[in-house]
Amino acid sequence: MTGLSTEEKDILIGTILGDAHVRKLKQESRVECTHSAHQKEYLFWKYERLKRWCGAKPHLVRIQDTRYQKEYLQWRFSTVSRVAFDDLRKMFYRGRIKVIPGNISKIITSPLSLAVWFMDDGGRRNDSYGLFLNTLSFTKPEHELLRKCLRENFGIESRIHWISDGYRLYIPSSEAKKFCTIVSPYIIGTLRYKLSYNPVTTSFARLDRARDRSF
């Protein structure tokens, strides 16, 4: 990944595992980041750390859903196309499909990558201290690779849960304190509600046994 700093690489790995898309153009690739309006601060946090690779500032996009007569607001930015992003696309894509590479344990080694992945795709249950990563697009064997990575690189045990439209990675209550302690230094203020444990106050989130909260 020629030219990328360690921080840039770690952030890109985390967000590509999550919501970002690496698009192949005619010769080289670029990274595209999109978040809903209520995650504007998070998108700008990414932009500030990747902006030397960006040709323009983030912009607001209005999406019209004619089925339900609703308008959705999204913030977006893209990097310029560079060879460095070709490497990321080769790593995480097979054609147009995002995949988990077989050597993922050698790729997700930084707590920052783990934290960005969690900020993109993570959440907590409200009826327990358990956490999850919405990894629905990946196959069960790919989830096994991710489980192995979490165990080997971060000492985190996880499970694979099937929900209505795919698998997701579940971090049980017994592992939540450890996971939150690892990622907490990198979680931005507006997304700290996703954590079930606060290492600074050494307190757990309040539970609501009546329902399971996604985000």
C-alpha atoms as a PDB file:
ATOM      1  CA  MET A   1       0.000   0.000   0.000  1.00  0.00           C
ATOM      2  CA  THR A   2       2.520   2.490  -1.292  1.00  0.00           C
ATOM      3  CA  GLY A   3       2.463   5.941   0.277  1.00  0.00           C
ATOM      4  CA  LEU A   4      -0.099   5.313   3.014  1.00  0.00           C
ATOM      5  CA  SER A   5       0.838   6.141   6.585  1.00  0.00           C
ATOM      6  CA  THR A   6       0.220   3.533   9.280  1.00  0.00           C
ATOM      7  CA  GLU A   7      -2.792   5.489  10.577  1.00  0.00           C
ATOM      8  CA  GLU A   8      -4.268   5.911   7.097  1.00  0.00           C
ATOM      9  CA  LYS A   9      -3.834   2.210   6.360  1.00  0.00           C
ATOM     10  CA  ASP A  10      -5.417   1.185   9.672  1.00  0.00           C
ATOM     11  CA  ILE A  11      -8.419   3.462   9.138  1.00  0.00           C
ATOM     12  CA  LEU A  12      -8.902   2.276   5.567  1.00  0.00           C
ATOM     13  CA  ILE A  13      -8.773  -1.387   6.557  1.00  0.00           C
ATOM     14  CA  GLY A  14     -11.377  -0.813   9.277  1.00  0.00           C
ATOM     15  CA  THR A  15     -13.774   1.143   7.098  1.00  0.00           C
ATOM     16  CA  ILE A  16     -13.456  -1.205   4.112  1.00  0.00           C
ATOM     17  CA  LEU A  17     -14.444  -4.046   6.435  1.00  0.00           C
ATOM     18  CA  GLY A  18     -17.394  -1.819   7.289  1.00  0.00           C
ATOM     19  CA  ASP A  19     -19.240   0.646   5.083  1.00  0.00           C
ATOM     20  CA  ALA A  20     -16.642   1.975   2.628  1.00  0.00           C
ATOM     21  CA  HIS A  21     -16.456   0.869  -0.990  1.00  0.00           C
ATOM     22  CA  VAL A  22     -13.332   0.592  -3.144  1.00  0.00           C
ATOM     23  CA  ARG A  23     -14.312   1.390  -6.717  1.00  0.00           C
ATOM     24  CA  LYS A  24     -12.199   0.379  -9.673  1.00  0.00           C
ATOM     25  CA  LEU A  25     -11.913   3.126 -12.273  1.00  0.00           C
ATOM     26  CA  LYS A  26     -10.251   2.827 -15.692  1.00  0.00           C
ATOM     27  CA  GLN A  27      -6.712   2.525 -14.405  1.00  0.00           C
ATOM     28  CA  GLU A  28      -6.681   2.831 -10.612  1.00  0.00           C
ATOM     29  CA  SER A  29      -9.068   2.578  -7.661  1.00  0.00           C
ATOM     30  CA  ARG A  30     -10.546   5.040  -5.187  1.00  0.00           C
ATOM     31  CA  VAL A  31     -12.201   4.684  -1.770  1.00  0.00           C
ATOM     32  CA  GLU A  32     -15.742   6.011  -1.304  1.00  0.00           C
ATOM     33  CA  CYS A  33     -17.160   6.745   2.151  1.00  0.00           C
ATOM     34  CA  THR A  34     -20.828   7.448   2.842  1.00  0.00           C
ATOM     35  CA  HIS A  35     -22.704   7.916   6.114  1.00  0.00           C
ATOM     36  CA  SER A  36     -26.151   9.086   7.090  1.00  0.00           C
ATOM     37  CA  ALA A  37     -26.634  12.679   8.204  1.00  0.00           C
ATOM     38  CA  HIS A  38     -26.653  11.800  11.901  1.00  0.00           C
ATOM     39  CA  GLN A  39     -23.140  10.358  11.483  1.00  0.00           C
ATOM     40  CA  LYS A  40     -21.766  13.510   9.867  1.00  0.00           C
ATOM     41  CA  GLU A  41     -19.179  14.016  12.621  1.00  0.00           C
ATOM     42  CA  TYR A  42     -17.840  10.511  12.096  1.00  0.00           C
ATOM     43  CA  LEU A  43     -17.565  10.962   8.334  1.00  0.00           C
ATOM     44  CA  PHE A  44     -15.652  14.216   8.822  1.00  0.00           C
ATOM     45  CA  TRP A  45     -13.401  12.454  11.351  1.00  0.00           C
ATOM     46  CA  LYS A  46     -12.454   9.999   8.580  1.00  0.00           C
ATOM     47  CA  TYR A  47     -12.057  12.770   6.043  1.00  0.00           C
ATOM     48  CA  GLU A  48      -9.676  14.786   8.246  1.00  0.00           C
ATOM     49  CA  ARG A  49      -7.387  11.774   8.526  1.00  0.00           C
ATOM     50  CA  LEU A  50      -7.522  10.862   4.844  1.00  0.00           C
ATOM     51  CA  LYS A  51      -7.868  14.293   3.248  1.00  0.00           C
ATOM     52  CA  ARG A  52      -4.418  14.383   1.674  1.00  0.00           C
ATOM     53  CA  TRP A  53      -5.795  11.670  -0.621  1.00  0.00           C
ATOM     54  CA  CYS A  54      -9.030  13.541  -1.364  1.00  0.00           C
ATOM     55  CA  GLY A  55      -9.688  15.966  -4.185  1.00  0.00           C
ATOM     56  CA  ALA A  56     -12.778  17.547  -2.616  1.00  0.00           C
ATOM     57  CA  LYS A  57     -14.382  18.041   0.780  1.00  0.00           C
ATOM     58  CA  PRO A  58     -17.354  15.923   1.912  1.00  0.00           C
ATOM     59  CA  HIS A  59     -20.683  16.912   0.395  1.00  0.00           C
ATOM     60  CA  LEU A  60     -24.317  16.403   1.341  1.00  0.00           C
ATOM     61  CA  VAL A  61     -26.448  14.196  -0.884  1.00  0.00           C
ATOM     62  CA  ARG A  62     -30.246  14.058  -0.870  1.00  0.00           C
ATOM     63  CA  ILE A  63     -31.762  10.656  -1.676  1.00  0.00           C
ATOM     64  CA  GLN A  64     -35.405  10.569  -2.729  1.00  0.00           C
ATOM     65  CA  ASP A  65     -37.290   7.351  -1.911  1.00  0.00           C
ATOM     66  CA  THR A  66     -40.318   7.535  -4.176  1.00  0.00           C
ATOM     67  CA  ARG A  67     -41.797   4.340  -2.732  1.00  0.00           C
ATOM     68  CA  TYR A  68     -42.388   5.903   0.669  1.00  0.00           C
ATOM     69  CA  GLN A  69     -42.191   9.578  -0.303  1.00  0.00           C
ATOM     70  CA  LYS A  70     -39.233  10.149   1.989  1.00  0.00           C
ATOM     71  CA  GLU A  71     -35.976  12.028   1.658  1.00  0.00           C
ATOM     72  CA  TYR A  72     -32.722  10.741   3.143  1.00  0.00           C
ATOM     73  CA  LEU A  73     -29.625  12.826   3.728  1.00  0.00           C
ATOM     74  CA  GLN A  74     -26.138  11.383   3.364  1.00  0.00           C
ATOM     75  CA  TRP A  75     -22.634  12.781   3.663  1.00  0.00           C
ATOM     76  CA  ARG A  76     -20.019  11.496   1.217  1.00  0.00           C
ATOM     77  CA  PHE A  77     -16.423  11.880   0.201  1.00  0.00           C
ATOM     78  CA  SER A  78     -14.091   9.990  -2.116  1.00  0.00           C
ATOM     79  CA  THR A  79     -10.362   9.720  -2.398  1.00  0.00           C
ATOM     80  CA  VAL A  80      -8.592  10.323  -5.662  1.00  0.00           C
ATOM     81  CA  SER A  81      -7.709   7.171  -7.610  1.00  0.00           C
ATOM     82  CA  ARG A  82      -4.284   5.778  -6.786  1.00  0.00           C
ATOM     83  CA  VAL A  83      -2.311   2.527  -7.025  1.00  0.00           C
ATOM     84  CA  ALA A  84      -2.338   2.278  -3.212  1.00  0.00           C
ATOM     85  CA  PHE A  85      -6.092   1.753  -3.324  1.00  0.00           C
ATOM     86  CA  ASP A  86      -5.705  -0.902  -6.032  1.00  0.00           C
ATOM     87  CA  ASP A  87      -3.880  -2.964  -3.427  1.00  0.00           C
ATOM     88  CA  LEU A  88      -6.824  -2.645  -1.038  1.00  0.00           C
ATOM     89  CA  ARG A  89      -9.305  -3.590  -3.736  1.00  0.00           C
ATOM     90  CA  LYS A  90      -7.305  -6.699  -4.664  1.00  0.00           C
ATOM     91  CA  MET A  91      -7.192  -7.594  -0.993  1.00  0.00           C
ATOM     92  CA  PHE A  92     -10.895  -7.219  -0.185  1.00  0.00           C
ATOM     93  CA  TYR A  93     -12.757  -7.803  -3.472  1.00  0.00           C
ATOM     94  CA  ARG A  94     -13.435 -10.603  -5.883  1.00  0.00           C
ATOM     95  CA  GLY A  95     -14.954  -8.822  -8.853  1.00  0.00           C
ATOM     96  CA  ARG A  96     -17.636  -6.593  -7.373  1.00  0.00           C
ATOM     97  CA  ILE A  97     -18.082  -8.658  -4.208  1.00  0.00           C
ATOM     98  CA  LYS A  98     -16.436  -7.655  -0.927  1.00  0.00           C
ATOM     99  CA  VAL A  99     -14.737 -10.642   0.709  1.00  0.00           C
ATOM    100  CA  ILE A 100     -12.663 -11.554   3.731  1.00  0.00           C
ATOM    101  CA  PRO A 101      -9.164 -12.587   2.570  1.00  0.00           C
ATOM    102  CA  GLY A 102      -7.744 -15.835   3.904  1.00  0.00           C
ATOM    103  CA  ASN A 103      -4.867 -13.981   5.600  1.00  0.00           C
ATOM    104  CA  ILE A 104      -7.142 -11.516   7.420  1.00  0.00           C
ATOM    105  CA  SER A 105      -5.299 -12.257  10.694  1.00  0.00           C
ATOM    106  CA  LYS A 106      -2.234 -10.606   9.174  1.00  0.00           C
ATOM    107  CA  ILE A 107      -4.289  -7.579   8.081  1.00  0.00           C
ATOM    108  CA  ILE A 108      -6.427  -6.613  11.094  1.00  0.00           C
ATOM    109  CA  THR A 109      -3.671  -6.207  13.649  1.00  0.00           C
ATOM    110  CA  SER A 110      -4.313  -2.669  14.904  1.00  0.00           C
ATOM    111  CA  PRO A 111      -6.823  -1.632  17.588  1.00  0.00           C
ATOM    112  CA  LEU A 112      -7.550   1.404  15.391  1.00  0.00           C
ATOM    113  CA  SER A 113      -8.697  -0.836  12.517  1.00  0.00           C
ATOM    114  CA  LEU A 114     -10.879  -2.779  14.948  1.00  0.00           C
ATOM    115  CA  ALA A 115     -12.369   0.442  16.343  1.00  0.00           C
ATOM    116  CA  VAL A 116     -13.171   1.883  12.897  1.00  0.00           C
ATOM    117  CA  TRP A 117     -14.761  -1.405  11.865  1.00  0.00           C
ATOM    118  CA  PHE A 118     -16.875  -1.283  15.024  1.00  0.00           C
ATOM    119  CA  MET A 119     -17.848   2.373  14.506  1.00  0.00           C
ATOM    120  CA  ASP A 120     -18.920   1.500  10.961  1.00  0.00           C
ATOM    121  CA  ASP A 121     -20.764  -1.754  11.596  1.00  0.00           C
ATOM    122  CA  GLY A 122     -20.942  -2.367  15.325  1.00  0.00           C
ATOM    123  CA  GLY A 123     -23.571  -2.014  17.989  1.00  0.00           C
ATOM    124  CA  ARG A 124     -24.626  -3.291  21.367  1.00  0.00           C
ATOM    125  CA  ARG A 125     -27.569  -5.148  22.745  1.00  0.00           C
ATOM    126  CA  ASN A 126     -29.661  -3.378  25.346  1.00  0.00           C
ATOM    127  CA  ASP A 127     -30.788  -6.581  27.047  1.00  0.00           C
ATOM    128  CA  SER A 128     -27.205  -7.712  27.772  1.00  0.00           C
ATOM    129  CA  TYR A 129     -23.677  -6.325  27.577  1.00  0.00           C
ATOM    130  CA  GLY A 130     -23.063  -8.226  24.354  1.00  0.00           C
ATOM    131  CA  LEU A 131     -21.796  -6.470  21.231  1.00  0.00           C
ATOM    132  CA  PHE A 132     -22.055  -7.326  17.560  1.00  0.00           C
ATOM    133  CA  LEU A 133     -20.595  -6.545  14.171  1.00  0.00           C
ATOM    134  CA  ASN A 134     -23.068  -6.468  11.290  1.00  0.00           C
ATOM    135  CA  THR A 135     -21.129  -8.666   8.897  1.00  0.00           C
ATOM    136  CA  LEU A 136     -24.212  -9.896   7.032  1.00  0.00           C
ATOM    137  CA  SER A 137     -22.674  -9.877   3.550  1.00  0.00           C
ATOM    138  CA  PHE A 138     -19.978 -12.403   4.453  1.00  0.00           C
ATOM    139  CA  THR A 139     -20.223 -16.200   4.337  1.00  0.00           C
ATOM    140  CA  LYS A 140     -19.983 -18.485   7.351  1.00  0.00           C
ATOM    141  CA  PRO A 141     -16.410 -19.581   6.446  1.00  0.00           C
ATOM    142  CA  GLU A 142     -15.464 -15.892   6.221  1.00  0.00           C
ATOM    143  CA  HIS A 143     -16.937 -15.371   9.682  1.00  0.00           C
ATOM    144  CA  GLU A 144     -14.759 -18.204  10.962  1.00  0.00           C
ATOM    145  CA  LEU A 145     -11.722 -16.342   9.621  1.00  0.00           C
ATOM    146  CA  LEU A 146     -12.835 -13.194  11.449  1.00  0.00           C
ATOM    147  CA  ARG A 147     -13.406 -15.132  14.686  1.00  0.00           C
ATOM    148  CA  LYS A 148      -9.908 -16.564  14.431  1.00  0.00           C
ATOM    149  CA  CYS A 149      -8.483 -13.081  13.818  1.00  0.00           C
ATOM    150  CA  LEU A 150     -10.211 -11.602  16.882  1.00  0.00           C
ATOM    151  CA  ARG A 151      -9.020 -14.489  19.040  1.00  0.00           C
ATOM    152  CA  GLU A 152      -5.413 -14.534  17.833  1.00  0.00           C
ATOM    153  CA  ASN A 153      -4.755 -10.787  17.552  1.00  0.00           C
ATOM    154  CA  PHE A 154      -6.893  -9.323  20.338  1.00  0.00           C
ATOM    155  CA  GLY A 155      -7.724 -12.213  22.672  1.00  0.00           C
ATOM    156  CA  ILE A 156     -11.436 -11.775  21.975  1.00  0.00           C
ATOM    157  CA  GLU A 157     -13.736 -14.794  21.784  1.00  0.00           C
ATOM    158  CA  SER A 158     -16.784 -14.349  19.560  1.00  0.00           C
ATOM    159  CA  ARG A 159     -19.678 -16.335  18.136  1.00  0.00           C
ATOM    160  CA  ILE A 160     -21.467 -16.493  14.820  1.00  0.00           C
ATOM    161  CA  HIS A 161     -25.182 -15.677  15.037  1.00  0.00           C
ATOM    162  CA  TRP A 162     -27.724 -16.156  12.280  1.00  0.00           C
ATOM    163  CA  ILE A 163     -30.340 -13.410  12.013  1.00  0.00           C
ATOM    164  CA  SER A 164     -33.089 -13.018   9.432  1.00  0.00           C
ATOM    165  CA  ASP A 165     -30.909 -12.089   6.448  1.00  0.00           C
ATOM    166  CA  GLY A 166     -27.443 -13.397   7.224  1.00  0.00           C
ATOM    167  CA  TYR A 167     -24.729 -14.059   9.798  1.00  0.00           C
ATOM    168  CA  ARG A 168     -23.258 -11.534  12.146  1.00  0.00           C
ATOM    169  CA  LEU A 169     -20.376 -11.686  14.574  1.00  0.00           C
ATOM    170  CA  TYR A 170     -21.456 -11.599  18.215  1.00  0.00           C
ATOM    171  CA  ILE A 171     -19.199 -10.691  21.136  1.00  0.00           C
ATOM    172  CA  PRO A 172     -20.772 -12.088  24.317  1.00  0.00           C
ATOM    173  CA  SER A 173     -21.123 -10.196  27.577  1.00  0.00           C
ATOM    174  CA  SER A 174     -18.170 -12.095  29.047  1.00  0.00           C
ATOM    175  CA  GLU A 175     -15.886 -10.565  26.371  1.00  0.00           C
ATOM    176  CA  ALA A 176     -17.473  -7.096  26.166  1.00  0.00           C
ATOM    177  CA  LYS A 177     -15.284  -5.426  28.793  1.00  0.00           C
ATOM    178  CA  LYS A 178     -12.119  -6.625  27.063  1.00  0.00           C
ATOM    179  CA  PHE A 179     -13.338  -5.555  23.622  1.00  0.00           C
ATOM    180  CA  CYS A 180     -14.463  -2.097  24.797  1.00  0.00           C
ATOM    181  CA  THR A 181     -11.180  -1.498  26.605  1.00  0.00           C
ATOM    182  CA  ILE A 182      -9.261  -2.196  23.385  1.00  0.00           C
ATOM    183  CA  VAL A 183     -11.312   0.048  21.078  1.00  0.00           C
ATOM    184  CA  SER A 184     -12.438   2.776  23.491  1.00  0.00           C
ATOM    185  CA  PRO A 185      -9.434   5.136  22.998  1.00  0.00           C
ATOM    186  CA  TYR A 186     -10.375   5.489  19.308  1.00  0.00           C
ATOM    187  CA  ILE A 187     -14.183   5.724  19.517  1.00  0.00           C
ATOM    188  CA  ILE A 188     -15.393   9.273  18.830  1.00  0.00           C
ATOM    189  CA  GLY A 189     -17.795  10.954  21.213  1.00  0.00           C
ATOM    190  CA  THR A 190     -20.960  10.686  19.156  1.00  0.00           C
ATOM    191  CA  LEU A 191     -20.524   6.928  18.747  1.00  0.00           C
ATOM    192  CA  ARG A 192     -19.627   5.988  22.306  1.00  0.00           C
ATOM    193  CA  TYR A 193     -23.231   4.921  22.859  1.00  0.00           C
ATOM    194  CA  LYS A 194     -22.307   1.743  20.957  1.00  0.00           C
ATOM    195  CA  LEU A 195     -20.023   0.623  23.802  1.00  0.00           C
ATOM    196  CA  SER A 196     -21.471  -1.475  26.611  1.00  0.00           C
ATOM    197  CA  TYR A 197     -18.553  -0.737  28.948  1.00  0.00           C
ATOM    198  CA  ASN A 198     -16.700   2.511  29.678  1.00  0.00           C
ATOM    199  CA  PRO A 199     -13.078   1.889  30.753  1.00  0.00           C
ATOM    200  CA  VAL A 200     -12.730   5.456  32.053  1.00  0.00           C
ATOM    201  CA  THR A 201     -15.667   5.294  34.471  1.00  0.00           C
ATOM    202  CA  THR A 202     -15.345   1.491  34.798  1.00  0.00           C
ATOM    203  CA  SER A 203     -19.108   1.235  34.407  1.00  0.00           C
ATOM    204  CA  PHE A 204     -21.401  -0.778  32.176  1.00  0.00           C
ATOM    205  CA  ALA A 205     -24.253   0.646  30.118  1.00  0.00           C
ATOM    206  CA  ARG A 206     -27.765   0.578  31.478  1.00  0.00           C
ATOM    207  CA  LEU A 207     -29.701  -2.453  30.277  1.00  0.00           C
ATOM    208  CA  ASP A 208     -33.186  -2.576  28.821  1.00  0.00           C
ATOM    209  CA  ARG A 209     -34.283  -6.183  29.094  1.00  0.00           C
ATOM    210  CA  ALA A 210     -37.395  -5.524  27.025  1.00  0.00           C
ATOM    211  CA  ARG A 211     -35.737  -5.162  23.639  1.00  0.00           C
ATOM    212  CA  ASP A 212     -32.624  -5.685  21.556  1.00  0.00           C
ATOM    213  CA  ARG A 213     -31.212  -2.410  20.250  1.00  0.00           C
ATOM    214  CA  SER A 214     -29.230  -2.466  17.026  1.00  0.00           C
ATOM    215  CA  PHE A 215     -27.758   1.048  16.881  1.00  0.00           C
END
